[in-house]
């Protein structure tokens, strides 16, 4: 699952392309370090036909299930960051690291 990254005023937007060529947009919420590797917590950005961003605006879109994924950040052949699906073992390690970060921030 190779991906490209676009810079926006409000952060990093990652464009994920599926096997059929459909593009999906995600905002990089945070980077989670695990050992020497980096993983991104990506939150889906969903716009309707009118370009309305569904982001807790009170229109009822917040009732939809949130689209959140974890992606491993690797350097591509061109030297640019690419986002790929982690293995099951990597995913579990990222979950533990995320839980530890959340616990640490709650204690502060």
N, C-alpha and C. Protein backbone atom coordinates (compact mmCIF):
# COMPACT_ATOMS: atom_id res chain seq x y z
N UNK A 1 0.85 -1.17 0.00
CA UNK A 1 0.00 0.00 0.00
C UNK A 1 0.89 1.24 0.00
N UNK A 2 1.41 1.62 -1.15
CA UNK A 2 2.29 2.79 -1.25
C UNK A 2 1.44 4.05 -1.26
N UNK A 3 1.96 5.09 -0.69
CA UNK A 3 1.20 6.31 -0.52
C UNK A 3 2.07 7.52 -0.76
N UNK A 4 1.44 8.62 -1.05
CA UNK A 4 2.18 9.87 -1.16
C UNK A 4 1.66 10.82 -0.11
N UNK A 5 2.40 11.88 0.11
CA UNK A 5 2.10 12.80 1.19
C UNK A 5 2.03 14.22 0.65
N UNK A 6 1.02 14.98 1.05
CA UNK A 6 0.87 16.38 0.65
C UNK A 6 0.90 17.26 1.89
N UNK A 7 1.57 18.40 1.82
CA UNK A 7 1.58 19.33 2.94
C UNK A 7 0.40 20.29 2.78
N UNK A 8 -0.33 20.49 3.86
CA UNK A 8 -1.45 21.43 3.92
C UNK A 8 -1.15 22.44 5.01
N UNK A 9 -1.90 23.54 5.04
CA UNK A 9 -1.71 24.54 6.08
C UNK A 9 -1.93 23.97 7.47
N UNK A 10 -2.85 23.02 7.58
CA UNK A 10 -3.22 22.49 8.89
C UNK A 10 -2.56 21.15 9.20
N UNK A 11 -1.53 20.75 8.49
CA UNK A 11 -0.83 19.52 8.81
C UNK A 11 -0.51 18.70 7.59
N UNK A 12 -0.15 17.46 7.84
CA UNK A 12 0.22 16.54 6.77
C UNK A 12 -1.01 15.75 6.35
N UNK A 13 -1.29 15.74 5.06
CA UNK A 13 -2.38 14.95 4.50
C UNK A 13 -1.76 13.83 3.68
N UNK A 14 -2.16 12.59 4.00
CA UNK A 14 -1.65 11.42 3.32
C UNK A 14 -2.73 10.92 2.36
N UNK A 15 -2.35 10.68 1.12
CA UNK A 15 -3.27 10.17 0.12
C UNK A 15 -3.00 8.68 -0.05
N UNK A 16 -3.98 7.86 0.32
CA UNK A 16 -3.87 6.41 0.20
C UNK A 16 -4.61 5.99 -1.07
N UNK A 17 -4.00 5.14 -1.86
CA UNK A 17 -4.62 4.65 -3.09
C UNK A 17 -4.80 3.15 -2.99
N UNK A 18 -6.05 2.68 -3.23
CA UNK A 18 -6.31 1.24 -3.16
C UNK A 18 -6.00 0.57 -4.49
N UNK A 19 -6.25 -0.74 -4.57
CA UNK A 19 -5.92 -1.52 -5.77
C UNK A 19 -6.70 -1.06 -7.00
N UNK A 20 -7.87 -0.44 -6.78
CA UNK A 20 -8.70 0.02 -7.89
C UNK A 20 -8.39 1.45 -8.31
N UNK A 21 -7.40 2.08 -7.66
CA UNK A 21 -7.02 3.45 -8.00
C UNK A 21 -7.83 4.51 -7.26
N UNK A 22 -8.70 4.10 -6.33
CA UNK A 22 -9.48 5.06 -5.55
C UNK A 22 -8.58 5.72 -4.51
N UNK A 23 -8.70 7.04 -4.36
CA UNK A 23 -7.88 7.77 -3.40
C UNK A 23 -8.67 8.08 -2.15
N UNK A 24 -8.01 7.94 -1.01
CA UNK A 24 -8.59 8.24 0.30
C UNK A 24 -7.63 9.16 1.02
N UNK A 25 -8.17 10.17 1.69
CA UNK A 25 -7.34 11.19 2.33
C UNK A 25 -7.37 11.03 3.85
N UNK A 26 -6.20 11.13 4.45
CA UNK A 26 -6.05 11.00 5.89
C UNK A 26 -5.15 12.12 6.39
N UNK A 27 -5.46 12.61 7.59
CA UNK A 27 -4.59 13.59 8.22
C UNK A 27 -3.71 12.87 9.24
N UNK A 28 -2.44 13.19 9.22
CA UNK A 28 -1.50 12.60 10.17
C UNK A 28 -1.74 13.24 11.53
N UNK A 29 -2.30 12.47 12.44
CA UNK A 29 -2.65 12.98 13.77
C UNK A 29 -1.42 13.01 14.69
N UNK A 30 -0.63 11.94 14.64
CA UNK A 30 0.57 11.87 15.47
C UNK A 30 1.51 10.80 14.95
N UNK A 31 2.78 10.92 15.35
CA UNK A 31 3.80 9.92 15.04
C UNK A 31 4.06 9.13 16.32
N UNK A 32 4.08 7.81 16.20
CA UNK A 32 4.31 6.93 17.34
C UNK A 32 5.63 6.20 17.09
N UNK A 33 6.67 6.50 17.88
CA UNK A 33 7.94 5.79 17.70
C UNK A 33 7.91 4.44 18.41
N UNK A 34 8.41 3.42 17.74
CA UNK A 34 8.54 2.08 18.32
C UNK A 34 9.93 1.58 17.92
N UNK A 35 10.84 1.56 18.88
CA UNK A 35 12.21 1.20 18.56
C UNK A 35 12.79 2.20 17.58
N UNK A 36 13.36 1.70 16.50
CA UNK A 36 13.94 2.57 15.46
C UNK A 36 12.93 2.92 14.37
N UNK A 37 11.72 2.39 14.49
CA UNK A 37 10.70 2.61 13.46
C UNK A 37 9.74 3.72 13.87
N UNK A 38 9.06 4.31 12.86
CA UNK A 38 8.04 5.33 13.12
C UNK A 38 6.74 4.87 12.48
N UNK A 39 5.65 5.14 13.20
CA UNK A 39 4.32 4.79 12.73
C UNK A 39 3.44 6.03 12.84
N UNK A 40 2.50 6.17 11.92
CA UNK A 40 1.61 7.33 11.92
C UNK A 40 0.20 6.90 12.28
N UNK A 41 -0.44 7.70 13.13
CA UNK A 41 -1.86 7.55 13.42
C UNK A 41 -2.57 8.46 12.44
N UNK A 42 -3.33 7.88 11.53
CA UNK A 42 -3.98 8.63 10.46
C UNK A 42 -5.49 8.65 10.65
N UNK A 43 -6.08 9.85 10.56
CA UNK A 43 -7.51 10.06 10.73
C UNK A 43 -8.10 10.41 9.37
N UNK A 44 -9.15 9.68 8.97
CA UNK A 44 -9.78 9.92 7.67
C UNK A 44 -10.39 11.30 7.55
N UNK A 45 -10.21 11.90 6.38
CA UNK A 45 -10.83 13.18 6.04
C UNK A 45 -11.90 12.87 5.01
N UNK A 46 -13.14 13.15 5.36
CA UNK A 46 -14.25 12.81 4.47
C UNK A 46 -15.02 14.06 4.10
N UNK A 47 -15.08 14.33 2.82
CA UNK A 47 -15.85 15.47 2.31
C UNK A 47 -17.04 14.94 1.53
N UNK A 48 -18.20 15.62 1.66
CA UNK A 48 -19.34 15.23 0.86
C UNK A 48 -19.27 15.94 -0.49
N UNK A 49 -20.33 15.80 -1.30
CA UNK A 49 -20.31 16.38 -2.65
C UNK A 49 -20.17 17.90 -2.64
N UNK A 50 -20.61 18.56 -1.56
CA UNK A 50 -20.52 20.01 -1.47
C UNK A 50 -19.17 20.47 -0.94
N UNK A 51 -18.25 19.54 -0.68
CA UNK A 51 -16.95 19.90 -0.14
C UNK A 51 -16.96 20.10 1.36
N UNK A 52 -18.06 19.70 2.01
CA UNK A 52 -18.19 19.86 3.46
C UNK A 52 -17.33 18.83 4.18
N UNK A 53 -16.45 19.29 5.04
CA UNK A 53 -15.56 18.43 5.80
C UNK A 53 -16.31 17.91 7.02
N UNK A 54 -16.42 16.63 7.16
CA UNK A 54 -17.14 16.03 8.28
C UNK A 54 -16.20 15.91 9.48
N UNK A 55 -16.35 16.88 10.39
CA UNK A 55 -15.36 16.99 11.46
C UNK A 55 -15.98 17.39 12.79
N UNK A 56 -17.16 16.88 13.12
CA UNK A 56 -17.77 17.26 14.38
C UNK A 56 -18.44 18.62 14.31
N UNK A 57 -19.07 18.92 13.20
CA UNK A 57 -19.63 20.24 12.96
C UNK A 57 -21.08 20.36 13.41
N UNK A 58 -21.65 19.28 13.96
CA UNK A 58 -23.03 19.34 14.42
C UNK A 58 -24.06 18.95 13.39
N UNK A 59 -23.64 18.52 12.22
CA UNK A 59 -24.59 18.15 11.16
C UNK A 59 -24.99 16.69 11.23
N UNK A 60 -24.48 15.97 12.22
CA UNK A 60 -24.80 14.55 12.33
C UNK A 60 -23.70 13.65 11.84
N UNK A 61 -22.70 14.23 11.17
CA UNK A 61 -21.62 13.40 10.62
C UNK A 61 -20.77 12.79 11.72
N UNK A 62 -20.78 13.39 12.92
CA UNK A 62 -19.97 12.85 14.00
C UNK A 62 -20.50 11.51 14.48
N UNK A 63 -21.72 11.14 14.07
CA UNK A 63 -22.30 9.86 14.45
C UNK A 63 -21.71 8.72 13.64
N UNK A 64 -21.05 9.05 12.52
CA UNK A 64 -20.43 8.03 11.68
C UNK A 64 -19.19 7.47 12.38
N UNK A 65 -18.88 6.21 12.09
CA UNK A 65 -17.70 5.59 12.67
C UNK A 65 -16.45 6.29 12.14
N UNK A 66 -15.52 6.61 13.06
CA UNK A 66 -14.31 7.32 12.65
C UNK A 66 -13.38 6.37 11.92
N UNK A 67 -12.76 6.89 10.86
CA UNK A 67 -11.85 6.14 10.02
C UNK A 67 -10.43 6.41 10.50
N UNK A 68 -9.87 5.48 11.27
CA UNK A 68 -8.53 5.65 11.84
C UNK A 68 -7.69 4.45 11.45
N UNK A 69 -6.48 4.71 10.97
CA UNK A 69 -5.57 3.62 10.63
C UNK A 69 -4.17 3.91 11.17
N UNK A 70 -3.41 2.86 11.31
CA UNK A 70 -2.00 2.96 11.69
C UNK A 70 -1.19 2.57 10.46
N UNK A 71 -0.18 3.37 10.13
CA UNK A 71 0.67 3.08 8.98
C UNK A 71 2.13 3.19 9.40
N UNK A 72 2.92 2.27 8.91
CA UNK A 72 4.37 2.33 9.13
C UNK A 72 4.96 3.30 8.13
N UNK A 73 5.87 4.15 8.61
CA UNK A 73 6.53 5.13 7.74
C UNK A 73 7.88 4.56 7.32
N UNK A 74 8.06 4.40 6.01
CA UNK A 74 9.32 3.89 5.47
C UNK A 74 9.80 4.85 4.39
N UNK A 75 11.10 4.82 4.12
CA UNK A 75 11.66 5.63 3.03
C UNK A 75 11.52 4.88 1.72
N UNK A 76 10.94 5.53 0.75
CA UNK A 76 10.78 4.93 -0.57
C UNK A 76 12.06 5.02 -1.37
N UNK A 77 12.06 4.45 -2.54
CA UNK A 77 13.23 4.45 -3.42
C UNK A 77 13.65 5.87 -3.78
N UNK A 78 12.67 6.79 -3.80
CA UNK A 78 12.97 8.19 -4.12
C UNK A 78 13.38 9.01 -2.90
N UNK A 79 13.48 8.34 -1.73
CA UNK A 79 13.88 9.03 -0.51
C UNK A 79 12.74 9.70 0.23
N UNK A 80 11.54 9.66 -0.35
CA UNK A 80 10.37 10.26 0.28
C UNK A 80 9.71 9.26 1.24
N UNK A 81 9.02 9.79 2.26
CA UNK A 81 8.29 8.92 3.18
C UNK A 81 7.13 8.25 2.47
N UNK A 82 6.97 6.96 2.73
CA UNK A 82 5.82 6.20 2.25
C UNK A 82 5.15 5.57 3.45
N UNK A 83 3.86 5.36 3.36
CA UNK A 83 3.07 4.80 4.45
C UNK A 83 2.60 3.42 4.00
N UNK A 84 2.97 2.40 4.78
CA UNK A 84 2.63 1.02 4.44
C UNK A 84 1.93 0.35 5.62
N UNK A 85 1.21 -0.70 5.32
CA UNK A 85 0.50 -1.44 6.35
C UNK A 85 1.49 -2.20 7.23
N UNK A 86 1.36 -2.05 8.56
CA UNK A 86 2.27 -2.78 9.45
C UNK A 86 1.88 -4.25 9.55
N UNK A 87 2.83 -5.09 9.95
CA UNK A 87 2.52 -6.49 10.21
C UNK A 87 1.67 -6.56 11.48
N UNK A 88 1.09 -7.72 11.76
CA UNK A 88 0.30 -7.90 12.98
C UNK A 88 1.14 -7.63 14.22
N UNK A 89 2.37 -8.11 14.21
CA UNK A 89 3.26 -7.91 15.36
C UNK A 89 3.59 -6.43 15.54
N UNK A 90 3.86 -5.74 14.43
CA UNK A 90 4.14 -4.30 14.51
C UNK A 90 2.92 -3.54 15.02
N UNK A 91 1.74 -3.92 14.53
CA UNK A 91 0.51 -3.27 14.95
C UNK A 91 0.31 -3.39 16.46
N UNK A 92 0.54 -4.58 17.00
CA UNK A 92 0.41 -4.79 18.44
C UNK A 92 1.42 -3.95 19.22
N UNK A 93 2.64 -3.84 18.72
CA UNK A 93 3.67 -3.03 19.37
C UNK A 93 3.28 -1.56 19.35
N UNK A 94 2.69 -1.09 18.25
CA UNK A 94 2.26 0.30 18.14
C UNK A 94 1.11 0.56 19.12
N UNK A 95 0.19 -0.39 19.22
CA UNK A 95 -0.91 -0.22 20.18
C UNK A 95 -0.38 -0.06 21.60
N UNK A 96 0.59 -0.87 21.99
CA UNK A 96 1.18 -0.78 23.33
C UNK A 96 1.88 0.56 23.51
N UNK A 97 2.62 1.01 22.51
CA UNK A 97 3.32 2.29 22.59
C UNK A 97 2.32 3.44 22.68
N UNK A 98 1.24 3.37 21.92
CA UNK A 98 0.21 4.41 21.96
C UNK A 98 -0.44 4.45 23.34
N UNK A 99 -0.80 3.28 23.88
CA UNK A 99 -1.40 3.22 25.22
C UNK A 99 -0.47 3.83 26.26
N UNK A 100 0.82 3.57 26.15
CA UNK A 100 1.80 4.13 27.09
C UNK A 100 1.87 5.65 26.95
N UNK A 101 1.82 6.17 25.71
CA UNK A 101 1.84 7.61 25.50
C UNK A 101 0.59 8.27 26.10
N UNK A 102 -0.56 7.64 25.92
CA UNK A 102 -1.81 8.18 26.46
C UNK A 102 -1.76 8.18 27.98
N UNK A 103 -1.30 7.07 28.56
CA UNK A 103 -1.20 6.97 30.02
C UNK A 103 -0.25 8.04 30.56
N UNK A 104 0.87 8.24 29.88
CA UNK A 104 1.86 9.22 30.31
C UNK A 104 1.28 10.64 30.27
N UNK A 105 0.53 10.96 29.21
CA UNK A 105 -0.04 12.31 29.07
C UNK A 105 -1.14 12.54 30.10
N UNK A 106 -1.87 11.49 30.50
CA UNK A 106 -2.92 11.62 31.51
C UNK A 106 -2.33 11.88 32.89
N UNK A 107 -1.10 11.41 33.14
CA UNK A 107 -0.46 11.58 34.43
C UNK A 107 0.14 12.97 34.59
N UNK A 108 0.33 13.68 33.49
CA UNK A 108 0.94 15.02 33.55
C UNK A 108 -0.05 16.07 33.97
